[in-house]
Amino acid sequence: MTQGTESGHTVVFVNPAARKGRSSTRTARALDALVRQSGPTSALRVVGASSVAELRAEAAAAVDLGVGRIVVIGGDGLAHHVVQAVAGSTTVLGIIPVGTGNDFAAALGLPREPSEAARVALGPDRCLDLLRRGSTWGLSVATTGFAAAVNERAEAMSWPRGASRYSIATMLELPRLAPTELVLRLETDGVEGAIEHRVRASLVAVGNTASFGGGMQICPAADPTDGLVDITVIDAVGRLELMAHFRRVFRGTHVNHPAVSVYRATAITVQSVGEDKISMRADGEAWGELPCRIEAVPAALRIAAPADNQKAPVGQ
């Protein structure tokens, strides 16, 4: 790239891992479609970063240069790292979902077929909220507790491919299920002070959109345009109880279980009562440890997505 404003340019980020295995064909088709659909006068630059640090640096450099659009060909993880640079800027993010879970893309109704997804990624944009923790950003769902452990387990697995990996990781993590004593402080615009809940939770999820883990509707009513975070808390439950009701999370009907509490706020602080280090995950990626404060930031992201898509709440 040359120095200066690059508003007419599009930078394409490809996950190096996506070049191998089953997703390589879809990645190649997506690249071909982008080249065809971007037009003969458009400047298209493809970046295949070899590390997260390089990926973030390239994305930040593109935004600093005023690149008009960044397209990621990959899953939620790749989009998560790119959005750290794109959030709050005028750069439009496009997503062609060829990853494992693709939960954020599914929430926006983005096509899975590469050619159609490329058309949408180069098309009109709209504004969405994001999650923010300090100076870092999240697209879809942040989790702690059992869900974070499952995510870490799934990330380390090489088989199976696809969303079923998360279901298997859940079964493998069940023997280690243990609740955590937490304090939740909920803030709401226009309301003085925070509402505090002390919980013994197996899982806490903070959602900008509904799902994580390849279609688990953990925060089924979450809306990325309402300026709020949806919070789902699963209290201390036994392994057999969790197994018996596990499939309900894919329909979002788990929120009707007596062990599940649902809240909505503009921000939440999650703090552990004990001394143990407890990790957070956002979009499937490491997101630091507790304590943390997560807020909804309205209209923080310009995303290429169908303007009329409006997901109906699930299980309500």
C-alpha atoms as a PDB file:
ATOM      1  CA  MET A   1       0.000   0.000   0.000  1.00  0.00           C
ATOM      2  CA  THR A   2       1.023   3.590  -0.413  1.00  0.00           C
ATOM      3  CA  GLN A   3       0.820   6.148   2.364  1.00  0.00           C
ATOM      4  CA  GLY A   4      -2.272   8.320   2.555  1.00  0.00           C
ATOM      5  CA  THR A   5      -6.011   7.745   2.317  1.00  0.00           C
ATOM      6  CA  GLU A   6      -6.987   4.364   0.864  1.00  0.00           C
ATOM      7  CA  SER A   7     -10.767   4.665   1.128  1.00  0.00           C
ATOM      8  CA  GLY A   8     -11.332   2.914  -2.192  1.00  0.00           C
ATOM      9  CA  HIS A   9      -9.201  -0.070  -1.246  1.00  0.00           C
ATOM     10  CA  THR A  10     -10.221  -3.421   0.219  1.00  0.00           C
ATOM     11  CA  VAL A  11      -7.869  -5.503   2.354  1.00  0.00           C
ATOM     12  CA  VAL A  12      -8.651  -9.214   2.645  1.00  0.00           C
ATOM     13  CA  PHE A  13      -7.450 -11.246   5.627  1.00  0.00           C
ATOM     14  CA  VAL A  14      -7.188 -15.012   5.270  1.00  0.00           C
ATOM     15  CA  ASN A  15      -6.536 -17.337   8.179  1.00  0.00           C
ATOM     16  CA  PRO A  16      -3.415 -19.369   7.263  1.00  0.00           C
ATOM     17  CA  ALA A  17      -5.003 -22.446   8.882  1.00  0.00           C
ATOM     18  CA  ALA A  18      -7.961 -22.103   6.510  1.00  0.00           C
ATOM     19  CA  ARG A  19      -5.710 -22.858   3.570  1.00  0.00           C
ATOM     20  CA  LYS A  20      -5.473 -26.467   4.691  1.00  0.00           C
ATOM     21  CA  GLY A  21      -8.128 -29.106   5.074  1.00  0.00           C
ATOM     22  CA  ARG A  22     -11.773 -28.926   4.150  1.00  0.00           C
ATOM     23  CA  SER A  23     -12.098 -25.143   4.249  1.00  0.00           C
ATOM     24  CA  SER A  24      -9.345 -24.550   1.679  1.00  0.00           C
ATOM     25  CA  THR A  25     -11.713 -24.998  -1.281  1.00  0.00           C
ATOM     26  CA  ARG A  26     -14.254 -22.559   0.170  1.00  0.00           C
ATOM     27  CA  THR A  27     -11.469 -20.062   0.904  1.00  0.00           C
ATOM     28  CA  ALA A  28     -10.234 -20.251  -2.695  1.00  0.00           C
ATOM     29  CA  ARG A  29     -13.788 -19.826  -4.017  1.00  0.00           C
ATOM     30  CA  ALA A  30     -14.307 -16.812  -1.768  1.00  0.00           C
ATOM     31  CA  LEU A  31     -11.112 -15.174  -3.001  1.00  0.00           C
ATOM     32  CA  ASP A  32     -12.064 -15.790  -6.617  1.00  0.00           C
ATOM     33  CA  ALA A  33     -15.511 -14.301  -6.004  1.00  0.00           C
ATOM     34  CA  LEU A  34     -14.035 -11.217  -4.344  1.00  0.00           C
ATOM     35  CA  VAL A  35     -11.723 -10.618  -7.296  1.00  0.00           C
ATOM     36  CA  ARG A  36     -14.594 -10.992  -9.773  1.00  0.00           C
ATOM     37  CA  GLN A  37     -17.072  -8.871  -7.844  1.00  0.00           C
ATOM     38  CA  SER A  38     -14.773  -6.077  -6.703  1.00  0.00           C
ATOM     39  CA  GLY A  39     -14.443  -4.797 -10.289  1.00  0.00           C
ATOM     40  CA  PRO A  40     -11.453  -4.089 -12.524  1.00  0.00           C
ATOM     41  CA  THR A  41     -10.650  -0.681 -10.999  1.00  0.00           C
ATOM     42  CA  SER A  42     -10.798  -1.741  -7.348  1.00  0.00           C
ATOM     43  CA  ALA A  43      -7.640  -2.284  -5.348  1.00  0.00           C
ATOM     44  CA  LEU A  44      -7.695  -5.631  -3.541  1.00  0.00           C
ATOM     45  CA  ARG A  45      -4.874  -6.701  -1.221  1.00  0.00           C
ATOM     46  CA  VAL A  46      -4.773 -10.168   0.368  1.00  0.00           C
ATOM     47  CA  VAL A  47      -3.013 -10.649   3.709  1.00  0.00           C
ATOM     48  CA  GLY A  48      -2.257 -14.040   5.251  1.00  0.00           C
ATOM     49  CA  ALA A  49      -0.708 -13.187   8.615  1.00  0.00           C
ATOM     50  CA  SER A  50       1.376 -15.890  10.278  1.00  0.00           C
ATOM     51  CA  SER A  51       0.607 -14.844  13.865  1.00  0.00           C
ATOM     52  CA  VAL A  52      -2.013 -12.983  15.878  1.00  0.00           C
ATOM     53  CA  ALA A  53       0.449 -10.146  16.504  1.00  0.00           C
ATOM     54  CA  GLU A  54       1.131  -9.773  12.772  1.00  0.00           C
ATOM     55  CA  LEU A  55      -2.577  -9.998  11.974  1.00  0.00           C
ATOM     56  CA  ARG A  56      -3.463  -7.228  14.425  1.00  0.00           C
ATOM     57  CA  ALA A  57      -0.585  -5.055  13.245  1.00  0.00           C
ATOM     58  CA  GLU A  58      -1.633  -5.406   9.599  1.00  0.00           C
ATOM     59  CA  ALA A  59      -5.262  -4.610  10.448  1.00  0.00           C
ATOM     60  CA  ALA A  60      -4.258  -1.551  12.486  1.00  0.00           C
ATOM     61  CA  ALA A  61      -2.019  -0.311   9.666  1.00  0.00           C
ATOM     62  CA  ALA A  62      -4.850  -0.693   7.159  1.00  0.00           C
ATOM     63  CA  VAL A  63      -7.265   1.275   9.332  1.00  0.00           C
ATOM     64  CA  ASP A  64      -4.653   3.975   9.964  1.00  0.00           C
ATOM     65  CA  LEU A  65      -4.220   4.336   6.199  1.00  0.00           C
ATOM     66  CA  GLY A  66      -7.949   4.922   5.817  1.00  0.00           C
ATOM     67  CA  VAL A  67      -8.779   1.651   4.046  1.00  0.00           C
ATOM     68  CA  GLY A  68     -12.476   1.698   3.268  1.00  0.00           C
ATOM     69  CA  ARG A  69     -13.180  -1.990   3.812  1.00  0.00           C
ATOM     70  CA  ILE A  70     -11.588  -5.038   5.383  1.00  0.00           C
ATOM     71  CA  VAL A  71     -12.920  -8.497   4.511  1.00  0.00           C
ATOM     72  CA  VAL A  72     -12.058 -11.529   6.608  1.00  0.00           C
ATOM     73  CA  ILE A  73     -12.285 -15.031   5.182  1.00  0.00           C
ATOM     74  CA  GLY A  74     -12.490 -17.174   8.284  1.00  0.00           C
ATOM     75  CA  GLY A  75     -14.418 -17.600  11.490  1.00  0.00           C
ATOM     76  CA  ASP A  76     -15.237 -15.666  14.630  1.00  0.00           C
ATOM     77  CA  GLY A  77     -11.646 -15.815  15.874  1.00  0.00           C
ATOM     78  CA  LEU A  78     -10.194 -14.086  12.825  1.00  0.00           C
ATOM     79  CA  ALA A  79     -12.944 -11.467  12.906  1.00  0.00           C
ATOM     80  CA  HIS A  80     -12.301 -10.926  16.634  1.00  0.00           C
ATOM     81  CA  HIS A  81      -8.665 -10.007  16.044  1.00  0.00           C
ATOM     82  CA  VAL A  82      -9.409  -7.735  13.089  1.00  0.00           C
ATOM     83  CA  VAL A  83     -12.196  -5.904  14.945  1.00  0.00           C
ATOM     84  CA  GLN A  84      -9.658  -4.740  17.539  1.00  0.00           C
ATOM     85  CA  ALA A  85      -8.457  -2.336  14.840  1.00  0.00           C
ATOM     86  CA  VAL A  86     -11.735  -1.702  13.026  1.00  0.00           C
ATOM     87  CA  ALA A  87     -13.936  -0.852  16.052  1.00  0.00           C
ATOM     88  CA  GLY A  88     -14.800   2.830  16.264  1.00  0.00           C
ATOM     89  CA  SER A  89     -13.391   3.609  12.826  1.00  0.00           C
ATOM     90  CA  THR A  90     -15.041   4.355   9.487  1.00  0.00           C
ATOM     91  CA  THR A  91     -13.635   1.143   7.974  1.00  0.00           C
ATOM     92  CA  VAL A  92     -16.344  -1.372   7.018  1.00  0.00           C
ATOM     93  CA  LEU A  93     -15.873  -4.997   8.069  1.00  0.00           C
ATOM     94  CA  GLY A  94     -17.032  -7.773   5.752  1.00  0.00           C
ATOM     95  CA  ILE A  95     -17.080 -11.432   6.773  1.00  0.00           C
ATOM     96  CA  ILE A  96     -17.023 -14.533   4.604  1.00  0.00           C
ATOM     97  CA  PRO A  97     -17.647 -17.324   7.139  1.00  0.00           C
ATOM     98  CA  VAL A  98     -15.451 -20.371   6.595  1.00  0.00           C
ATOM     99  CA  GLY A  99     -14.538 -20.983  10.240  1.00  0.00           C
ATOM    100  CA  THR A 100     -15.590 -23.592  12.790  1.00  0.00           C
ATOM    101  CA  GLY A 101     -18.401 -21.835  14.623  1.00  0.00           C
ATOM    102  CA  ASN A 102     -19.305 -18.714  12.596  1.00  0.00           C
ATOM    103  CA  ASP A 103     -21.736 -17.601  15.298  1.00  0.00           C
ATOM    104  CA  PHE A 104     -21.394 -13.871  14.647  1.00  0.00           C
ATOM    105  CA  ALA A 105     -21.947 -14.347  10.917  1.00  0.00           C
ATOM    106  CA  ALA A 106     -25.001 -16.509  11.630  1.00  0.00           C
ATOM    107  CA  ALA A 107     -26.454 -13.829  13.924  1.00  0.00           C
ATOM    108  CA  LEU A 108     -26.291 -11.352  11.047  1.00  0.00           C
ATOM    109  CA  GLY A 109     -27.791 -13.747   8.524  1.00  0.00           C
ATOM    110  CA  LEU A 110     -24.624 -13.802   6.416  1.00  0.00           C
ATOM    111  CA  PRO A 111     -24.602 -16.427   3.633  1.00  0.00           C
ATOM    112  CA  ARG A 112     -22.410 -19.522   3.943  1.00  0.00           C
ATOM    113  CA  GLU A 113     -22.016 -19.985   0.190  1.00  0.00           C
ATOM    114  CA  PRO A 114     -18.699 -18.248  -0.658  1.00  0.00           C
ATOM    115  CA  SER A 115     -19.786 -16.418  -3.805  1.00  0.00           C
ATOM    116  CA  GLU A 116     -22.935 -15.036  -2.182  1.00  0.00           C
ATOM    117  CA  ALA A 117     -21.023 -14.202   0.998  1.00  0.00           C
ATOM    118  CA  ALA A 118     -18.484 -12.263  -1.078  1.00  0.00           C
ATOM    119  CA  ARG A 119     -21.298 -10.221  -2.631  1.00  0.00           C
ATOM    120  CA  VAL A 120     -22.632  -9.299   0.804  1.00  0.00           C
ATOM    121  CA  ALA A 121     -19.126  -8.570   2.162  1.00  0.00           C
ATOM    122  CA  LEU A 122     -18.635  -5.993  -0.609  1.00  0.00           C
ATOM    123  CA  GLY A 123     -22.152  -4.574  -0.274  1.00  0.00           C
ATOM    124  CA  PRO A 124     -23.955  -1.998   1.894  1.00  0.00           C
ATOM    125  CA  ASP A 125     -23.086  -1.681   5.561  1.00  0.00           C
ATOM    126  CA  ARG A 126     -24.921  -0.888   8.774  1.00  0.00           C
ATOM    127  CA  CYS A 127     -23.869  -0.127  12.352  1.00  0.00           C
ATOM    128  CA  LEU A 128     -23.854  -2.638  15.202  1.00  0.00           C
ATOM    129  CA  ASP A 129     -22.972  -2.565  18.885  1.00  0.00           C
ATOM    130  CA  LEU A 130     -19.868  -4.227  20.261  1.00  0.00           C
ATOM    131  CA  LEU A 131     -18.759  -5.504  23.644  1.00  0.00           C
ATOM    132  CA  ARG A 132     -15.869  -3.606  25.207  1.00  0.00           C
ATOM    133  CA  ARG A 133     -13.583  -4.591  28.042  1.00  0.00           C
ATOM    134  CA  GLY A 134     -11.119  -1.785  28.682  1.00  0.00           C
ATOM    135  CA  SER A 135      -9.429  -1.212  25.342  1.00  0.00           C
ATOM    136  CA  THR A 136     -10.379  -4.590  23.851  1.00  0.00           C
ATOM    137  CA  TRP A 137     -13.490  -5.518  21.889  1.00  0.00           C
ATOM    138  CA  GLY A 138     -15.826  -8.477  21.492  1.00  0.00           C
ATOM    139  CA  LEU A 139     -18.236  -9.255  18.671  1.00  0.00           C
ATOM    140  CA  SER A 140     -20.631 -11.848  19.987  1.00  0.00           C
ATOM    141  CA  VAL A 141     -20.469 -13.584  23.391  1.00  0.00           C
ATOM    142  CA  ALA A 142     -18.030 -13.392  26.306  1.00  0.00           C
ATOM    143  CA  THR A 143     -18.002 -16.329  28.728  1.00  0.00           C
ATOM    144  CA  THR A 144     -16.466 -17.478  31.969  1.00  0.00           C
ATOM    145  CA  GLY A 145     -16.789 -20.689  33.924  1.00  0.00           C
ATOM    146  CA  PHE A 146     -17.719 -23.974  32.252  1.00  0.00           C
ATOM    147  CA  ALA A 147     -18.308 -22.393  28.829  1.00  0.00           C
ATOM    148  CA  ALA A 148     -14.818 -20.894  28.770  1.00  0.00           C
ATOM    149  CA  ALA A 149     -13.321 -24.266  29.711  1.00  0.00           C
ATOM    150  CA  VAL A 150     -15.265 -25.958  26.898  1.00  0.00           C
ATOM    151  CA  ASN A 151     -14.043 -23.348  24.458  1.00  0.00           C
ATOM    152  CA  GLU A 152     -10.427 -23.883  25.460  1.00  0.00           C
ATOM    153  CA  ARG A 153     -10.862 -27.655  25.124  1.00  0.00           C
ATOM    154  CA  ALA A 154     -12.463 -27.313  21.662  1.00  0.00           C
ATOM    155  CA  GLU A 155      -9.679 -25.015  20.503  1.00  0.00           C
ATOM    156  CA  ALA A 156      -7.095 -27.665  21.384  1.00  0.00           C
ATOM    157  CA  MET A 157      -8.928 -30.437  19.495  1.00  0.00           C
ATOM    158  CA  SER A 158      -7.961 -31.329  15.923  1.00  0.00           C
ATOM    159  CA  TRP A 159     -11.052 -33.529  15.429  1.00  0.00           C
ATOM    160  CA  PRO A 160     -13.873 -33.341  14.604  1.00  0.00           C
ATOM    161  CA  ARG A 161     -14.066 -30.415  12.224  1.00  0.00           C
ATOM    162  CA  GLY A 162     -17.016 -28.053  12.430  1.00  0.00           C
ATOM    163  CA  ALA A 163     -19.452 -27.057  15.138  1.00  0.00           C
ATOM    164  CA  SER A 164     -19.822 -30.585  16.574  1.00  0.00           C
ATOM    165  CA  ARG A 165     -16.386 -30.110  18.121  1.00  0.00           C
ATOM    166  CA  TYR A 166     -17.986 -27.923  20.814  1.00  0.00           C
ATOM    167  CA  SER A 167     -20.569 -30.553  21.729  1.00  0.00           C
ATOM    168  CA  ILE A 168     -17.850 -33.172  22.166  1.00  0.00           C
ATOM    169  CA  ALA A 169     -15.709 -30.743  24.154  1.00  0.00           C
ATOM    170  CA  THR A 170     -18.686 -30.165  26.449  1.00  0.00           C
ATOM    171  CA  MET A 171     -18.954 -33.881  27.201  1.00  0.00           C
ATOM    172  CA  LEU A 172     -15.195 -34.132  27.811  1.00  0.00           C
ATOM    173  CA  GLU A 173     -15.220 -31.201  30.237  1.00  0.00           C
ATOM    174  CA  LEU A 174     -18.208 -32.417  32.272  1.00  0.00           C
ATOM    175  CA  PRO A 175     -16.105 -34.359  34.820  1.00  0.00           C
ATOM    176  CA  ARG A 176     -14.375 -31.087  35.726  1.00  0.00           C
ATOM    177  CA  LEU A 177     -17.593 -29.104  36.153  1.00  0.00           C
ATOM    178  CA  ALA A 178     -17.354 -26.948  39.278  1.00  0.00           C
ATOM    179  CA  PRO A 179     -19.310 -23.806  40.190  1.00  0.00           C
ATOM    180  CA  THR A 180     -17.587 -20.529  41.056  1.00  0.00           C
ATOM    181  CA  GLU A 181     -18.535 -17.893  43.615  1.00  0.00           C
ATOM    182  CA  LEU A 182     -18.958 -14.631  41.703  1.00  0.00           C
ATOM    183  CA  VAL A 183     -20.224 -11.126  42.284  1.00  0.00           C
ATOM    184  CA  LEU A 184     -22.079  -9.523  39.354  1.00  0.00           C
ATOM    185  CA  ARG A 185     -22.639  -5.760  39.290  1.00  0.00           C
ATOM    186  CA  LEU A 186     -25.151  -4.601  36.690  1.00  0.00           C
ATOM    187  CA  GLU A 187     -25.226  -1.003  35.485  1.00  0.00           C
ATOM    188  CA  THR A 188     -28.101   0.534  33.548  1.00  0.00           C
ATOM    189  CA  ASP A 189     -28.124   3.969  31.931  1.00  0.00           C
ATOM    190  CA  GLY A 190     -30.422   6.305  33.808  1.00  0.00           C
ATOM    191  CA  VAL A 191     -30.351   4.221  36.990  1.00  0.00           C
ATOM    192  CA  GLU A 192     -28.170   5.405  39.853  1.00  0.00           C
ATOM    193  CA  GLY A 193     -25.802   2.833  41.272  1.00  0.00           C
ATOM    194  CA  ALA A 194     -25.260  -0.807  40.322  1.00  0.00           C
ATOM    195  CA  ILE A 195     -27.454  -3.785  41.165  1.00  0.00           C
ATOM    196  CA  GLU A 196     -25.358  -6.505  42.772  1.00  0.00           C
ATOM    197  CA  HIS A 197     -25.922 -10.253  42.593  1.00  0.00           C
ATOM    198  CA  ARG A 198     -23.796 -12.801  44.406  1.00  0.00           C
ATOM    199  CA  VAL A 199     -24.040 -16.119  42.577  1.00  0.00           C
ATOM    200  CA  ARG A 200     -22.613 -19.611  42.663  1.00  0.00           C
ATOM    201  CA  ALA A 201     -22.433 -20.129  38.941  1.00  0.00           C
ATOM    202  CA  SER A 202     -21.368 -22.870  36.583  1.00  0.00           C
ATOM    203  CA  LEU A 203     -21.422 -20.438  33.675  1.00  0.00           C
ATOM    204  CA  VAL A 204     -21.806 -16.731  32.977  1.00  0.00           C
ATOM    205  CA  ALA A 205     -22.305 -15.493  29.408  1.00  0.00           C
ATOM    206  CA  VAL A 206     -22.428 -11.845  28.329  1.00  0.00           C
ATOM    207  CA  GLY A 207     -23.977 -11.528  24.882  1.00  0.00           C
ATOM    208  CA  ASN A 208     -24.029  -8.918  22.173  1.00  0.00           C
ATOM    209  CA  THR A 209     -25.512 -11.568  19.879  1.00  0.00           C
ATOM    210  CA  ALA A 210     -27.274 -14.799  20.760  1.00  0.00           C
ATOM    211  CA  SER A 211     -24.969 -17.731  20.161  1.00  0.00           C
ATOM    212  CA  PHE A 212     -21.527 -19.199  20.698  1.00  0.00           C
ATOM    213  CA  GLY A 213     -19.936 -22.609  20.262  1.00  0.00           C
ATOM    214  CA  GLY A 214     -21.370 -23.316  16.831  1.00  0.00           C
ATOM    215  CA  GLY A 215     -25.031 -22.492  17.419  1.00  0.00           C
ATOM    216  CA  MET A 216     -25.602 -22.655  21.182  1.00  0.00           C
ATOM    217  CA  GLN A 217     -28.206 -19.929  21.781  1.00  0.00           C
ATOM    218  CA  ILE A 218     -26.823 -19.008  25.175  1.00  0.00           C
ATOM    219  CA  CYS A 219     -28.270 -15.439  25.157  1.00  0.00           C
ATOM    220  CA  PRO A 220     -31.251 -16.073  22.877  1.00  0.00           C
ATOM    221  CA  ALA A 221     -32.803 -12.595  23.012  1.00  0.00           C
ATOM    222  CA  ALA A 222     -29.564 -10.630  22.523  1.00  0.00           C
ATOM    223  CA  ASP A 223     -29.854  -7.811  19.974  1.00  0.00           C
ATOM    224  CA  PRO A 224     -26.679  -6.099  18.678  1.00  0.00           C
ATOM    225  CA  THR A 225     -28.561  -2.863  18.006  1.00  0.00           C
ATOM    226  CA  ASP A 226     -30.147  -2.159  21.410  1.00  0.00           C
ATOM    227  CA  GLY A 227     -27.139  -0.750  23.275  1.00  0.00           C
ATOM    228  CA  LEU A 228     -27.416  -3.467  25.941  1.00  0.00           C
ATOM    229  CA  VAL A 229     -25.680  -6.663  26.969  1.00  0.00           C
ATOM    230  CA  ASP A 230     -27.706  -9.797  27.677  1.00  0.00           C
ATOM    231  CA  ILE A 231     -26.417 -11.863  30.599  1.00  0.00           C
ATOM    232  CA  THR A 232     -27.169 -15.548  31.144  1.00  0.00           C
ATOM    233  CA  VAL A 233     -26.171 -17.161  34.439  1.00  0.00           C
ATOM    234  CA  ILE A 234     -26.395 -20.914  34.967  1.00  0.00           C
ATOM    235  CA  ASP A 235     -26.346 -21.644  38.690  1.00  0.00           C
ATOM    236  CA  ALA A 236     -24.582 -24.576  40.287  1.00  0.00           C
ATOM    237  CA  VAL A 237     -25.985 -27.704  38.631  1.00  0.00           C
ATOM    238  CA  GLY A 238     -24.888 -31.318  38.661  1.00  0.00           C
ATOM    239  CA  ARG A 239     -23.310 -33.104  35.725  1.00  0.00           C
ATOM    240  CA  LEU A 240     -26.354 -35.287  35.097  1.00  0.00           C
ATOM    241  CA  GLU A 241     -28.658 -32.264  35.215  1.00  0.00           C
ATOM    242  CA  LEU A 242     -26.495 -30.410  32.710  1.00  0.00           C
ATOM    243  CA  MET A 243     -26.328 -33.417  30.377  1.00  0.00           C
ATOM    244  CA  ALA A 244     -30.103 -33.916  30.548  1.00  0.00           C
ATOM    245  CA  HIS A 245     -30.818 -30.362  29.446  1.00  0.00           C
ATOM    246  CA  PHE A 246     -27.766 -29.659  27.273  1.00  0.00           C
ATOM    247  CA  ARG A 247     -29.576 -29.840  23.926  1.00  0.00           C
ATOM    248  CA  ARG A 248     -31.997 -27.093  25.008  1.00  0.00           C
ATOM    249  CA  VAL A 249     -29.261 -24.488  24.590  1.00  0.00           C
ATOM    250  CA  PHE A 250     -29.371 -24.977  20.809  1.00  0.00           C
ATOM    251  CA  ARG A 251     -33.019 -23.833  20.835  1.00  0.00           C
ATOM    252  CA  GLY A 252     -32.551 -21.173  23.501  1.00  0.00           C
ATOM    253  CA  THR A 253     -35.159 -22.827  25.733  1.00  0.00           C
ATOM    254  CA  HIS A 254     -32.636 -23.396  28.525  1.00  0.00           C
ATOM    255  CA  VAL A 255     -33.585 -19.930  29.824  1.00  0.00           C
ATOM    256  CA  ASN A 256     -36.825 -21.456  31.149  1.00  0.00           C
ATOM    257  CA  HIS A 257     -34.918 -23.813  33.468  1.00  0.00           C
ATOM    258  CA  PRO A 258     -35.095 -22.786  37.170  1.00  0.00           C
ATOM    259  CA  ALA A 259     -31.297 -22.848  37.437  1.00  0.00           C
ATOM    260  CA  VAL A 260     -30.933 -20.188  34.715  1.00  0.00           C
ATOM    261  CA  SER A 261     -31.166 -16.436  35.356  1.00  0.00           C
ATOM    262  CA  VAL A 262     -31.245 -13.811  32.628  1.00  0.00           C
ATOM    263  CA  TYR A 263     -30.410 -10.121  32.989  1.00  0.00           C
ATOM    264  CA  ARG A 264     -30.031  -7.137  30.698  1.00  0.00           C
ATOM    265  CA  ALA A 265     -27.852  -4.069  31.345  1.00  0.00           C
ATOM    266  CA  THR A 266     -25.636  -1.489  29.688  1.00  0.00           C
ATOM    267  CA  ALA A 267     -22.584  -2.868  31.522  1.00  0.00           C
ATOM    268  CA  ILE A 268     -21.631  -5.671  33.892  1.00  0.00           C
ATOM    269  CA  THR A 269     -18.693  -6.207  36.221  1.00  0.00           C
ATOM    270  CA  VAL A 270     -17.824  -9.844  36.970  1.00  0.00           C
ATOM    271  CA  GLN A 271     -15.608 -10.506  39.976  1.00  0.00           C
ATOM    272  CA  SER A 272     -14.523 -13.725  41.642  1.00  0.00           C
ATOM    273  CA  VAL A 273     -14.992 -14.074  45.393  1.00  0.00           C
ATOM    274  CA  GLY A 274     -11.969 -16.366  45.734  1.00  0.00           C
ATOM    275  CA  GLU A 275      -8.289 -16.095  44.883  1.00  0.00           C
ATOM    276  CA  ASP A 276      -8.288 -18.430  41.873  1.00  0.00           C
ATOM    277  CA  LYS A 277      -7.420 -17.070  38.447  1.00  0.00           C
ATOM    278  CA  ILE A 278     -10.518 -17.338  36.291  1.00  0.00           C
ATOM    279  CA  SER A 279     -10.301 -16.725  32.559  1.00  0.00           C
ATOM    280  CA  MET A 280     -12.693 -15.005  30.165  1.00  0.00           C
ATOM    281  CA  ARG A 281     -13.213 -15.828  26.500  1.00  0.00           C
ATOM    282  CA  ALA A 282     -14.779 -13.614  23.852  1.00  0.00           C
ATOM    283  CA  ASP A 283     -15.661 -14.883  20.370  1.00  0.00           C
ATOM    284  CA  GLY A 284     -13.798 -18.037  21.354  1.00  0.00           C
ATOM    285  CA  GLU A 285     -10.559 -16.142  22.013  1.00  0.00           C
ATOM    286  CA  ALA A 286      -8.700 -15.480  25.269  1.00  0.00           C
ATOM    287  CA  TRP A 287      -9.948 -12.227  26.821  1.00  0.00           C
ATOM    288  CA  GLY A 288      -8.041 -11.878  30.068  1.00  0.00           C
ATOM    289  CA  GLU A 289      -9.048 -12.856  33.583  1.00  0.00           C
ATOM    290  CA  LEU A 290     -11.511 -11.759  36.239  1.00  0.00           C
ATOM    291  CA  PRO A 291     -12.333  -9.206  37.493  1.00  0.00           C
ATOM    292  CA  CYS A 292     -13.600  -7.440  34.389  1.00  0.00           C
ATOM    293  CA  ARG A 293     -16.127  -4.835  33.349  1.00  0.00           C
ATOM    294  CA  ILE A 294     -17.917  -5.409  30.042  1.00  0.00           C
ATOM    295  CA  GLU A 295     -20.065  -2.734  28.432  1.00  0.00           C
ATOM    296  CA  ALA A 296     -22.171  -2.438  25.309  1.00  0.00           C
ATOM    297  CA  VAL A 297     -20.896   0.278  22.977  1.00  0.00           C
ATOM    298  CA  PRO A 298     -23.655   1.359  20.576  1.00  0.00           C
ATOM    299  CA  ALA A 299     -22.925   1.559  16.846  1.00  0.00           C
ATOM    300  CA  ALA A 300     -19.218   0.814  17.341  1.00  0.00           C
ATOM    301  CA  LEU A 301     -18.871  -1.312  14.202  1.00  0.00           C
ATOM    302  CA  ARG A 302     -19.697  -0.747  10.551  1.00  0.00           C
ATOM    303  CA  ILE A 303     -20.488  -4.202   9.172  1.00  0.00           C
ATOM    304  CA  ALA A 304     -21.424  -5.352   5.682  1.00  0.00           C
ATOM    305  CA  ALA A 305     -24.685  -7.186   6.339  1.00  0.00           C
ATOM    306  CA  PRO A 306     -28.294  -7.348   5.142  1.00  0.00           C
ATOM    307  CA  ALA A 307     -30.032  -4.216   6.393  1.00  0.00           C
ATOM    308  CA  ASP A 308     -33.381  -5.918   6.919  1.00  0.00           C
ATOM    309  CA  ASN A 309     -32.088  -8.853   8.970  1.00  0.00           C
ATOM    310  CA  GLN A 310     -33.720  -8.945  12.376  1.00  0.00           C
ATOM    311  CA  LYS A 311     -33.394 -12.168  14.359  1.00  0.00           C
ATOM    312  CA  ALA A 312     -36.479 -13.022  16.381  1.00  0.00           C
ATOM    313  CA  PRO A 313     -35.849 -13.962  20.011  1.00  0.00           C
ATOM    314  CA  VAL A 314     -35.530 -17.709  20.484  1.00  0.00           C
ATOM    315  CA  GLY A 315     -37.395 -19.631  23.123  1.00  0.00           C
ATOM    316  CA  GLN A 316     -39.386 -16.666  24.395  1.00  0.00           C
END
